[in-house]
Amino acid sequence: LTAAYLPFIKEGLRRFHDCLQNAKFPPETLTTLMREGNIWLARSQ
């Protein structure tokens, strides 16, 4: 079901991108978010 699953990941990463664009986080929070986002980016790639 890779073809069905990938669009779900990409939509979530798009929301992650928008979140980073429009919000300000302290470094420790951003580190946590980047780690979570990086896991899903690596999976999608």
ModelCIF file with pLDDT and N, C-alpha, C, O atoms, coordinates in Angstrom:
data_MODEL
#
_entry.id   MODEL 
#
_entity.id                         1 
_entity.type                       polymer 
_entity.pdbx_number_of_molecules   1 
#
_entity_poly.entity_id                      1 
_entity_poly.type                           'polypeptide(L)' 
_entity_poly.nstd_linkage                   no 
_entity_poly.nstd_monomer                   no 
_entity_poly.pdbx_seq_one_letter_code       LTAAYLPFIKEGLRRFHDCLQNAKFPPETLTTLMREGNIWLARSQ 
_entity_poly.pdbx_seq_one_letter_code_can   LTAAYLPFIKEGLRRFHDCLQNAKFPPETLTTLMREGNIWLARSQ 
_entity_poly.pdbx_strand_id                 A 
#
loop_
_entity_poly_seq.entity_id 
_entity_poly_seq.num 
_entity_poly_seq.mon_id 
_entity_poly_seq.hetero 
1 1  LEU n 
1 2  THR n 
1 3  ALA n 
1 4  ALA n 
1 5  TYR n 
1 6  LEU n 
1 7  PRO n 
1 8  PHE n 
1 9  ILE n 
1 10 LYS n 
1 11 GLU n 
1 12 GLY n 
1 13 LEU n 
1 14 ARG n 
1 15 ARG n 
1 16 PHE n 
1 17 HIS n 
1 18 ASP n 
1 19 CYS n 
1 20 LEU n 
1 21 GLN n 
1 22 ASN n 
1 23 ALA n 
1 24 LYS n 
1 25 PHE n 
1 26 PRO n 
1 27 PRO n 
1 28 GLU n 
1 29 THR n 
1 30 LEU n 
1 31 THR n 
1 32 THR n 
1 33 LEU n 
1 34 MET n 
1 35 ARG n 
1 36 GLU n 
1 37 GLY n 
1 38 ASN n 
1 39 ILE n 
1 40 TRP n 
1 41 LEU n 
1 42 ALA n 
1 43 ARG n 
1 44 SER n 
1 45 GLN n 
#
_struct_asym.id          A 
_struct_asym.entity_id   1 
#
loop_
_ma_qa_metric.id 
_ma_qa_metric.mode 
_ma_qa_metric.name 
_ma_qa_metric.software_group_id 
_ma_qa_metric.type 
1 global pLDDT . pLDDT 
2 local  pLDDT . pLDDT 
#
_ma_qa_metric_global.metric_id      1 
_ma_qa_metric_global.metric_value   84.69 
_ma_qa_metric_global.model_id       1 
_ma_qa_metric_global.ordinal_id     1 
#
loop_
_ma_qa_metric_local.label_asym_id 
_ma_qa_metric_local.label_comp_id 
_ma_qa_metric_local.label_seq_id 
_ma_qa_metric_local.metric_id 
_ma_qa_metric_local.metric_value 
_ma_qa_metric_local.model_id 
_ma_qa_metric_local.ordinal_id 
A LEU 1  2 98.00 1 1  
A THR 2  2 97.00 1 2  
A ALA 3  2 97.00 1 3  
A ALA 4  2 97.00 1 4  
A TYR 5  2 97.00 1 5  
A LEU 6  2 96.00 1 6  
A PRO 7  2 96.00 1 7  
A PHE 8  2 96.00 1 8  
A ILE 9  2 95.00 1 9  
A LYS 10 2 93.00 1 10 
A GLU 11 2 93.00 1 11 
A GLY 12 2 91.00 1 12 
A LEU 13 2 89.00 1 13 
A ARG 14 2 89.00 1 14 
A ARG 15 2 86.00 1 15 
A PHE 16 2 83.00 1 16 
A HIS 17 2 81.00 1 17 
A ASP 18 2 81.00 1 18 
A CYS 19 2 76.00 1 19 
A LEU 20 2 73.00 1 20 
A GLN 21 2 73.00 1 21 
A ASN 22 2 67.00 1 22 
A ALA 23 2 65.00 1 23 
A LYS 24 2 68.00 1 24 
A PHE 25 2 70.00 1 25 
A PRO 26 2 72.00 1 26 
A PRO 27 2 72.00 1 27 
A GLU 28 2 71.00 1 28 
A THR 29 2 74.00 1 29 
A LEU 30 2 76.00 1 30 
A THR 31 2 77.00 1 31 
A THR 32 2 76.00 1 32 
A LEU 33 2 79.00 1 33 
A MET 34 2 81.00 1 34 
A ARG 35 2 83.00 1 35 
A GLU 36 2 84.00 1 36 
A GLY 37 2 85.00 1 37 
A ASN 38 2 88.00 1 38 
A ILE 39 2 91.00 1 39 
A TRP 40 2 92.00 1 40 
A LEU 41 2 91.00 1 41 
A ALA 42 2 92.00 1 42 
A ARG 43 2 94.00 1 43 
A SER 44 2 94.00 1 44 
A GLN 45 2 92.00 1 45 
#
loop_
_atom_site.group_PDB 
_atom_site.id 
_atom_site.type_symbol 
_atom_site.label_atom_id 
_atom_site.label_alt_id 
_atom_site.label_comp_id 
_atom_site.label_asym_id 
_atom_site.label_entity_id 
_atom_site.label_seq_id 
_atom_site.pdbx_PDB_ins_code 
_atom_site.Cartn_x 
_atom_site.Cartn_y 
_atom_site.Cartn_z 
_atom_site.occupancy 
_atom_site.B_iso_or_equiv 
_atom_site.pdbx_formal_charge 
_atom_site.auth_seq_id 
_atom_site.auth_comp_id 
_atom_site.auth_asym_id 
_atom_site.auth_atom_id 
_atom_site.pdbx_PDB_model_num 
ATOM 1   N N  . LEU A 1 1  ? 0.818  -1.211 0.000  1.00 98.00 ? 1  LEU A N  1 
ATOM 2   C CA . LEU A 1 1  ? 0.000  0.000  0.000  1.00 98.00 ? 1  LEU A CA 1 
ATOM 3   C C  . LEU A 1 1  ? 0.851  1.261  0.000  1.00 98.00 ? 1  LEU A C  1 
ATOM 4   O O  . LEU A 1 1  ? 0.395  2.319  0.433  1.00 98.00 ? 1  LEU A O  1 
ATOM 5   N N  . THR A 1 2  ? 2.088  1.155  -0.483 1.00 97.00 ? 2  THR A N  1 
ATOM 6   C CA . THR A 1 2  ? 2.984  2.306  -0.486 1.00 97.00 ? 2  THR A CA 1 
ATOM 7   C C  . THR A 1 2  ? 2.388  3.492  -1.225 1.00 97.00 ? 2  THR A C  1 
ATOM 8   O O  . THR A 1 2  ? 2.457  4.624  -0.745 1.00 97.00 ? 2  THR A O  1 
ATOM 9   N N  . ALA A 1 3  ? 1.798  3.240  -2.398 1.00 97.00 ? 3  ALA A N  1 
ATOM 10  C CA . ALA A 1 3  ? 1.250  4.324  -3.212 1.00 97.00 ? 3  ALA A CA 1 
ATOM 11  C C  . ALA A 1 3  ? 0.134  5.061  -2.485 1.00 97.00 ? 3  ALA A C  1 
ATOM 12  O O  . ALA A 1 3  ? -0.021 6.268  -2.670 1.00 97.00 ? 3  ALA A O  1 
ATOM 13  N N  . ALA A 1 4  ? -0.644 4.368  -1.665 1.00 97.00 ? 4  ALA A N  1 
ATOM 14  C CA . ALA A 1 4  ? -1.709 5.007  -0.900 1.00 97.00 ? 4  ALA A CA 1 
ATOM 15  C C  . ALA A 1 4  ? -1.176 5.704  0.341  1.00 97.00 ? 4  ALA A C  1 
ATOM 16  O O  . ALA A 1 4  ? -1.744 6.701  0.786  1.00 97.00 ? 4  ALA A O  1 
ATOM 17  N N  . TYR A 1 5  ? -0.085 5.187  0.906  1.00 97.00 ? 5  TYR A N  1 
ATOM 18  C CA . TYR A 1 5  ? 0.464  5.680  2.162  1.00 97.00 ? 5  TYR A CA 1 
ATOM 19  C C  . TYR A 1 5  ? 1.289  6.949  1.992  1.00 97.00 ? 5  TYR A C  1 
ATOM 20  O O  . TYR A 1 5  ? 1.221  7.853  2.825  1.00 97.00 ? 5  TYR A O  1 
ATOM 21  N N  . LEU A 1 6  ? 2.071  7.020  0.911  1.00 96.00 ? 6  LEU A N  1 
ATOM 22  C CA . LEU A 1 6  ? 2.973  8.152  0.714  1.00 96.00 ? 6  LEU A CA 1 
ATOM 23  C C  . LEU A 1 6  ? 2.264  9.500  0.713  1.00 96.00 ? 6  LEU A C  1 
ATOM 24  O O  . LEU A 1 6  ? 2.772  10.432 1.336  1.00 96.00 ? 6  LEU A O  1 
ATOM 25  N N  . PRO A 1 7  ? 1.114  9.659  0.046  1.00 96.00 ? 7  PRO A N  1 
ATOM 26  C CA . PRO A 1 7  ? 0.444  10.965 0.077  1.00 96.00 ? 7  PRO A CA 1 
ATOM 27  C C  . PRO A 1 7  ? 0.062  11.407 1.485  1.00 96.00 ? 7  PRO A C  1 
ATOM 28  O O  . PRO A 1 7  ? 0.064  12.604 1.773  1.00 96.00 ? 7  PRO A O  1 
ATOM 29  N N  . PHE A 1 8  ? -0.265 10.468 2.366  1.00 96.00 ? 8  PHE A N  1 
ATOM 30  C CA . PHE A 1 8  ? -0.571 10.825 3.750  1.00 96.00 ? 8  PHE A CA 1 
ATOM 31  C C  . PHE A 1 8  ? 0.658  11.419 4.437  1.00 96.00 ? 8  PHE A C  1 
ATOM 32  O O  . PHE A 1 8  ? 0.551  12.415 5.152  1.00 96.00 ? 8  PHE A O  1 
ATOM 33  N N  . ILE A 1 9  ? 1.833  10.804 4.218  1.00 95.00 ? 9  ILE A N  1 
ATOM 34  C CA . ILE A 1 9  ? 3.059  11.319 4.820  1.00 95.00 ? 9  ILE A CA 1 
ATOM 35  C C  . ILE A 1 9  ? 3.369  12.717 4.288  1.00 95.00 ? 9  ILE A C  1 
ATOM 36  O O  . ILE A 1 9  ? 3.691  13.626 5.052  1.00 95.00 ? 9  ILE A O  1 
ATOM 37  N N  . LYS A 1 10 ? 3.268  12.874 2.975  1.00 93.00 ? 10 LYS A N  1 
ATOM 38  C CA . LYS A 1 10 ? 3.609  14.162 2.369  1.00 93.00 ? 10 LYS A CA 1 
ATOM 39  C C  . LYS A 1 10 ? 2.675  15.267 2.839  1.00 93.00 ? 10 LYS A C  1 
ATOM 40  O O  . LYS A 1 10 ? 3.104  16.409 3.005  1.00 93.00 ? 10 LYS A O  1 
ATOM 41  N N  . GLU A 1 11 ? 1.415  14.945 3.054  1.00 93.00 ? 11 GLU A N  1 
ATOM 42  C CA . GLU A 1 11 ? 0.484  15.947 3.564  1.00 93.00 ? 11 GLU A CA 1 
ATOM 43  C C  . GLU A 1 11 ? 0.873  16.355 4.977  1.00 93.00 ? 11 GLU A C  1 
ATOM 44  O O  . GLU A 1 11 ? 0.804  17.535 5.323  1.00 93.00 ? 11 GLU A O  1 
ATOM 45  N N  . GLY A 1 12 ? 1.282  15.387 5.798  1.00 91.00 ? 12 GLY A N  1 
ATOM 46  C CA . GLY A 1 12 ? 1.735  15.711 7.140  1.00 91.00 ? 12 GLY A CA 1 
ATOM 47  C C  . GLY A 1 12 ? 2.997  16.555 7.129  1.00 91.00 ? 12 GLY A C  1 
ATOM 48  O O  . GLY A 1 12 ? 3.119  17.487 7.924  1.00 91.00 ? 12 GLY A O  1 
ATOM 49  N N  . LEU A 1 13 ? 3.945  16.245 6.239  1.00 89.00 ? 13 LEU A N  1 
ATOM 50  C CA . LEU A 1 13 ? 5.169  17.034 6.134  1.00 89.00 ? 13 LEU A CA 1 
ATOM 51  C C  . LEU A 1 13 ? 4.873  18.447 5.641  1.00 89.00 ? 13 LEU A C  1 
ATOM 52  O O  . LEU A 1 13 ? 5.546  19.397 6.040  1.00 89.00 ? 13 LEU A O  1 
ATOM 53  N N  . ARG A 1 14 ? 3.875  18.589 4.782  1.00 89.00 ? 14 ARG A N  1 
ATOM 54  C CA . ARG A 1 14 ? 3.480  19.931 4.342  1.00 89.00 ? 14 ARG A CA 1 
ATOM 55  C C  . ARG A 1 14 ? 2.981  20.745 5.520  1.00 89.00 ? 14 ARG A C  1 
ATOM 56  O O  . ARG A 1 14 ? 3.317  21.922 5.651  1.00 89.00 ? 14 ARG A O  1 
ATOM 57  N N  . ARG A 1 15 ? 2.171  20.121 6.389  1.00 86.00 ? 15 ARG A N  1 
ATOM 58  C CA . ARG A 1 15 ? 1.688  20.825 7.578  1.00 86.00 ? 15 ARG A CA 1 
ATOM 59  C C  . ARG A 1 15 ? 2.850  21.160 8.513  1.00 86.00 ? 15 ARG A C  1 
ATOM 60  O O  . ARG A 1 15 ? 2.849  22.211 9.155  1.00 86.00 ? 15 ARG A O  1 
ATOM 61  N N  . PHE A 1 16 ? 3.833  20.277 8.588  1.00 83.00 ? 16 PHE A N  1 
ATOM 62  C CA . PHE A 1 16 ? 5.022  20.546 9.384  1.00 83.00 ? 16 PHE A CA 1 
ATOM 63  C C  . PHE A 1 16 ? 5.756  21.767 8.839  1.00 83.00 ? 16 PHE A C  1 
ATOM 64  O O  . PHE A 1 16 ? 6.162  22.642 9.605  1.00 83.00 ? 16 PHE A O  1 
ATOM 65  N N  . HIS A 1 17 ? 5.927  21.830 7.539  1.00 81.00 ? 17 HIS A N  1 
ATOM 66  C CA . HIS A 1 17 ? 6.565  22.960 6.889  1.00 81.00 ? 17 HIS A CA 1 
ATOM 67  C C  . HIS A 1 17 ? 5.822  24.253 7.193  1.00 81.00 ? 17 HIS A C  1 
ATOM 68  O O  . HIS A 1 17 ? 6.446  25.258 7.534  1.00 81.00 ? 17 HIS A O  1 
ATOM 69  N N  . ASP A 1 18 ? 4.502  24.241 7.075  1.00 81.00 ? 18 ASP A N  1 
ATOM 70  C CA . ASP A 1 18 ? 3.696  25.428 7.348  1.00 81.00 ? 18 ASP A CA 1 
ATOM 71  C C  . ASP A 1 18 ? 3.823  25.842 8.809  1.00 81.00 ? 18 ASP A C  1 
ATOM 72  O O  . ASP A 1 18 ? 3.868  27.030 9.126  1.00 81.00 ? 18 ASP A O  1 
ATOM 73  N N  . CYS A 1 19 ? 3.881  24.853 9.694  1.00 76.00 ? 19 CYS A N  1 
ATOM 74  C CA . CYS A 1 19 ? 4.024  25.139 11.120 1.00 76.00 ? 19 CYS A CA 1 
ATOM 75  C C  . CYS A 1 19 ? 5.341  25.859 11.394 1.00 76.00 ? 19 CYS A C  1 
ATOM 76  O O  . CYS A 1 19 ? 5.370  26.816 12.168 1.00 76.00 ? 19 CYS A O  1 
ATOM 77  N N  . LEU A 1 20 ? 6.416  25.418 10.778 1.00 73.00 ? 20 LEU A N  1 
ATOM 78  C CA . LEU A 1 20 ? 7.714  26.054 10.972 1.00 73.00 ? 20 LEU A CA 1 
ATOM 79  C C  . LEU A 1 20 ? 7.745  27.460 10.383 1.00 73.00 ? 20 LEU A C  1 
ATOM 80  O O  . LEU A 1 20 ? 8.415  28.350 10.907 1.00 73.00 ? 20 LEU A O  1 
ATOM 81  N N  . GLN A 1 21 ? 7.017  27.649 9.291  1.00 73.00 ? 21 GLN A N  1 
ATOM 82  C CA . GLN A 1 21 ? 6.969  28.950 8.646  1.00 73.00 ? 21 GLN A CA 1 
ATOM 83  C C  . GLN A 1 21 ? 6.270  29.993 9.500  1.00 73.00 ? 21 GLN A C  1 
ATOM 84  O O  . GLN A 1 21 ? 6.648  31.165 9.489  1.00 73.00 ? 21 GLN A O  1 
ATOM 85  N N  . ASN A 1 22 ? 5.260  29.573 10.235 1.00 67.00 ? 22 ASN A N  1 
ATOM 86  C CA . ASN A 1 22 ? 4.350  30.523 10.854 1.00 67.00 ? 22 ASN A CA 1 
ATOM 87  C C  . ASN A 1 22 ? 4.417  30.578 12.371 1.00 67.00 ? 22 ASN A C  1 
ATOM 88  O O  . ASN A 1 22 ? 3.627  31.288 12.994 1.00 67.00 ? 22 ASN A O  1 
ATOM 89  N N  . ALA A 1 23 ? 5.335  29.851 12.975 1.00 65.00 ? 23 ALA A N  1 
ATOM 90  C CA . ALA A 1 23 ? 5.405  29.843 14.431 1.00 65.00 ? 23 ALA A CA 1 
ATOM 91  C C  . ALA A 1 23 ? 6.848  29.992 14.892 1.00 65.00 ? 23 ALA A C  1 
ATOM 92  O O  . ALA A 1 23 ? 7.786  29.701 14.151 1.00 65.00 ? 23 ALA A O  1 
ATOM 93  N N  . LYS A 1 24 ? 7.003  30.443 16.105 1.00 68.00 ? 24 LYS A N  1 
ATOM 94  C CA . LYS A 1 24 ? 8.313  30.578 16.714 1.00 68.00 ? 24 LYS A CA 1 
ATOM 95  C C  . LYS A 1 24 ? 8.390  29.634 17.907 1.00 68.00 ? 24 LYS A C  1 
ATOM 96  O O  . LYS A 1 24 ? 7.512  29.634 18.770 1.00 68.00 ? 24 LYS A O  1 
ATOM 97  N N  . PHE A 1 25 ? 9.443  28.836 17.945 1.00 70.00 ? 25 PHE A N  1 
ATOM 98  C CA . PHE A 1 25 ? 9.626  27.873 19.010 1.00 70.00 ? 25 PHE A CA 1 
ATOM 99  C C  . PHE A 1 25 ? 10.990 28.066 19.661 1.00 70.00 ? 25 PHE A C  1 
ATOM 100 O O  . PHE A 1 25 ? 11.940 28.494 19.006 1.00 70.00 ? 25 PHE A O  1 
ATOM 101 N N  . PRO A 1 26 ? 11.086 27.751 20.944 1.00 72.00 ? 26 PRO A N  1 
ATOM 102 C CA . PRO A 1 26 ? 12.411 27.749 21.570 1.00 72.00 ? 26 PRO A CA 1 
ATOM 103 C C  . PRO A 1 26 ? 13.244 26.623 20.977 1.00 72.00 ? 26 PRO A C  1 
ATOM 104 O O  . PRO A 1 26 ? 12.699 25.663 20.432 1.00 72.00 ? 26 PRO A O  1 
ATOM 105 N N  . PRO A 1 27 ? 14.574 26.738 21.081 1.00 72.00 ? 27 PRO A N  1 
ATOM 106 C CA . PRO A 1 27 ? 15.456 25.747 20.447 1.00 72.00 ? 27 PRO A CA 1 
ATOM 107 C C  . PRO A 1 27 ? 15.154 24.317 20.853 1.00 72.00 ? 27 PRO A C  1 
ATOM 108 O O  . PRO A 1 27 ? 15.171 23.422 20.008 1.00 72.00 ? 27 PRO A O  1 
ATOM 109 N N  . GLU A 1 28 ? 14.875 24.079 22.145 1.00 71.00 ? 28 GLU A N  1 
ATOM 110 C CA . GLU A 1 28 ? 14.647 22.700 22.577 1.00 71.00 ? 28 GLU A CA 1 
ATOM 111 C C  . GLU A 1 28 ? 13.378 22.110 21.958 1.00 71.00 ? 28 GLU A C  1 
ATOM 112 O O  . GLU A 1 28 ? 13.329 20.923 21.638 1.00 71.00 ? 28 GLU A O  1 
ATOM 113 N N  . THR A 1 29 ? 12.343 22.959 21.791 1.00 74.00 ? 29 THR A N  1 
ATOM 114 C CA . THR A 1 29 ? 11.118 22.486 21.150 1.00 74.00 ? 29 THR A CA 1 
ATOM 115 C C  . THR A 1 29 ? 11.355 22.211 19.674 1.00 74.00 ? 29 THR A C  1 
ATOM 116 O O  . THR A 1 29 ? 10.904 21.199 19.136 1.00 74.00 ? 29 THR A O  1 
ATOM 117 N N  . LEU A 1 30 ? 12.069 23.125 19.026 1.00 76.00 ? 30 LEU A N  1 
ATOM 118 C CA . LEU A 1 30 ? 12.340 22.946 17.609 1.00 76.00 ? 30 LEU A CA 1 
ATOM 119 C C  . LEU A 1 30 ? 13.160 21.690 17.372 1.00 76.00 ? 30 LEU A C  1 
ATOM 120 O O  . LEU A 1 30 ? 12.958 20.998 16.374 1.00 76.00 ? 30 LEU A O  1 
ATOM 121 N N  . THR A 1 31 ? 14.084 21.387 18.275 1.00 77.00 ? 31 THR A N  1 
ATOM 122 C CA . THR A 1 31 ? 14.879 20.171 18.152 1.00 77.00 ? 31 THR A CA 1 
ATOM 123 C C  . THR A 1 31 ? 13.991 18.933 18.177 1.00 77.00 ? 31 THR A C  1 
ATOM 124 O O  . THR A 1 31 ? 14.178 18.017 17.376 1.00 77.00 ? 31 THR A O  1 
ATOM 125 N N  . THR A 1 32 ? 13.026 18.901 19.091 1.00 76.00 ? 32 THR A N  1 
ATOM 126 C CA . THR A 1 32 ? 12.097 17.778 19.178 1.00 76.00 ? 32 THR A CA 1 
ATOM 127 C C  . THR A 1 32 ? 11.265 17.652 17.910 1.00 76.00 ? 32 THR A C  1 
ATOM 128 O O  . THR A 1 32 ? 11.083 16.551 17.388 1.00 76.00 ? 32 THR A O  1 
ATOM 129 N N  . LEU A 1 33 ? 10.762 18.777 17.414 1.00 79.00 ? 33 LEU A N  1 
ATOM 130 C CA . LEU A 1 33 ? 9.938  18.764 16.218 1.00 79.00 ? 33 LEU A CA 1 
ATOM 131 C C  . LEU A 1 33 ? 10.749 18.322 15.001 1.00 79.00 ? 33 LEU A C  1 
ATOM 132 O O  . LEU A 1 33 ? 10.269 17.543 14.177 1.00 79.00 ? 33 LEU A O  1 
ATOM 133 N N  . MET A 1 34 ? 11.983 18.824 14.893 1.00 81.00 ? 34 MET A N  1 
ATOM 134 C CA . MET A 1 34 ? 12.836 18.447 13.782 1.00 81.00 ? 34 MET A CA 1 
ATOM 135 C C  . MET A 1 34 ? 13.143 16.951 13.804 1.00 81.00 ? 34 MET A C  1 
ATOM 136 O O  . MET A 1 34 ? 13.191 16.302 12.759 1.00 81.00 ? 34 MET A O  1 
ATOM 137 N N  . ARG A 1 35 ? 13.347 16.417 14.996 1.00 83.00 ? 35 ARG A N  1 
ATOM 138 C CA . ARG A 1 35 ? 13.626 14.980 15.105 1.00 83.00 ? 35 ARG A CA 1 
ATOM 139 C C  . ARG A 1 35 ? 12.426 14.163 14.612 1.00 83.00 ? 35 ARG A C  1 
ATOM 140 O O  . ARG A 1 35 ? 12.601 13.198 13.868 1.00 83.00 ? 35 ARG A O  1 
ATOM 141 N N  . GLU A 1 36 ? 11.218 14.540 15.017 1.00 84.00 ? 36 GLU A N  1 
ATOM 142 C CA . GLU A 1 36 ? 10.006 13.842 14.581 1.00 84.00 ? 36 GLU A CA 1 
ATOM 143 C C  . GLU A 1 36 ? 9.815  13.985 13.075 1.00 84.00 ? 36 GLU A C  1 
ATOM 144 O O  . GLU A 1 36 ? 9.524  13.011 12.381 1.00 84.00 ? 36 GLU A O  1 
ATOM 145 N N  . GLY A 1 37 ? 9.983  15.211 12.577 1.00 85.00 ? 37 GLY A N  1 
ATOM 146 C CA . GLY A 1 37 ? 9.832  15.440 11.154 1.00 85.00 ? 37 GLY A CA 1 
ATOM 147 C C  . GLY A 1 37 ? 10.874 14.707 10.335 1.00 85.00 ? 37 GLY A C  1 
ATOM 148 O O  . GLY A 1 37 ? 10.582 14.212 9.247  1.00 85.00 ? 37 GLY A O  1 
ATOM 149 N N  . ASN A 1 38 ? 12.101 14.636 10.860 1.00 88.00 ? 38 ASN A N  1 
ATOM 150 C CA . ASN A 1 38 ? 13.178 13.966 10.137 1.00 88.00 ? 38 ASN A CA 1 
ATOM 151 C C  . ASN A 1 38 ? 12.914 12.474 9.993  1.00 88.00 ? 38 ASN A C  1 
ATOM 152 O O  . ASN A 1 38 ? 13.255 11.887 8.966  1.00 88.00 ? 38 ASN A O  1 
ATOM 153 N N  . ILE A 1 39 ? 12.311 11.849 11.007 1.00 91.00 ? 39 ILE A N  1 
ATOM 154 C CA . ILE A 1 39 ? 11.970 10.431 10.926 1.00 91.00 ? 39 ILE A CA 1 
ATOM 155 C C  . ILE A 1 39 ? 11.026 10.186 9.754  1.00 91.00 ? 39 ILE A C  1 
ATOM 156 O O  . ILE A 1 39 ? 11.232 9.266  8.963  1.00 91.00 ? 39 ILE A O  1 
ATOM 157 N N  . TRP A 1 40 ? 9.994  11.010 9.649  1.00 92.00 ? 40 TRP A N  1 
ATOM 158 C CA . TRP A 1 40 ? 9.012  10.804 8.592  1.00 92.00 ? 40 TRP A CA 1 
ATOM 159 C C  . TRP A 1 40 ? 9.553  11.203 7.223  1.00 92.00 ? 40 TRP A C  1 
ATOM 160 O O  . TRP A 1 40 ? 9.166  10.611 6.215  1.00 92.00 ? 40 TRP A O  1 
ATOM 161 N N  . LEU A 1 41 ? 10.434 12.191 7.168  1.00 91.00 ? 41 LEU A N  1 
ATOM 162 C CA . LEU A 1 41 ? 11.079 12.516 5.901  1.00 91.00 ? 41 LEU A CA 1 
ATOM 163 C C  . LEU A 1 41 ? 11.925 11.343 5.429  1.00 91.00 ? 41 LEU A C  1 
ATOM 164 O O  . LEU A 1 41 ? 11.878 10.974 4.255  1.00 91.00 ? 41 LEU A O  1 
ATOM 165 N N  . ALA A 1 42 ? 12.704 10.752 6.344  1.00 92.00 ? 42 ALA A N  1 
ATOM 166 C CA . ALA A 1 42 ? 13.545 9.611  5.990  1.00 92.00 ? 42 ALA A CA 1 
ATOM 167 C C  . ALA A 1 42 ? 12.704 8.426  5.533  1.00 92.00 ? 42 ALA A C  1 
ATOM 168 O O  . ALA A 1 42 ? 13.075 7.732  4.587  1.00 92.00 ? 42 ALA A O  1 
ATOM 169 N N  . ARG A 1 43 ? 11.578 8.190  6.194  1.00 94.00 ? 43 ARG A N  1 
ATOM 170 C CA . ARG A 1 43 ? 10.691 7.105  5.788  1.00 94.00 ? 43 ARG A CA 1 
ATOM 171 C C  . ARG A 1 43 ? 10.142 7.348  4.383  1.00 94.00 ? 43 ARG A C  1 
ATOM 172 O O  . ARG A 1 43 ? 10.128 6.440  3.553  1.00 94.00 ? 43 ARG A O  1 
ATOM 173 N N  . SER A 1 44 ? 9.692  8.572  4.121  1.00 94.00 ? 44 SER A N  1 
ATOM 174 C CA . SER A 1 44 ? 9.110  8.862  2.816  1.00 94.00 ? 44 SER A CA 1 
ATOM 175 C C  . SER A 1 44 ? 10.144 8.737  1.707  1.00 94.00 ? 44 SER A C  1 
ATOM 176 O O  . SER A 1 44 ? 9.834  8.236  0.626  1.00 94.00 ? 44 SER A O  1 
ATOM 177 N N  . GLN A 1 45 ? 11.377 9.190  1.962  1.00 92.00 ? 45 GLN A N  1 
ATOM 178 C CA . GLN A 1 45 ? 12.420 9.101  0.947  1.00 92.00 ? 45 GLN A CA 1 
ATOM 179 C C  . GLN A 1 45 ? 12.789 7.653  0.657  1.00 92.00 ? 45 GLN A C  1 
ATOM 180 O O  . GLN A 1 45 ? 13.655 7.392  -0.178 1.00 92.00 ? 45 GLN A O  1 
#
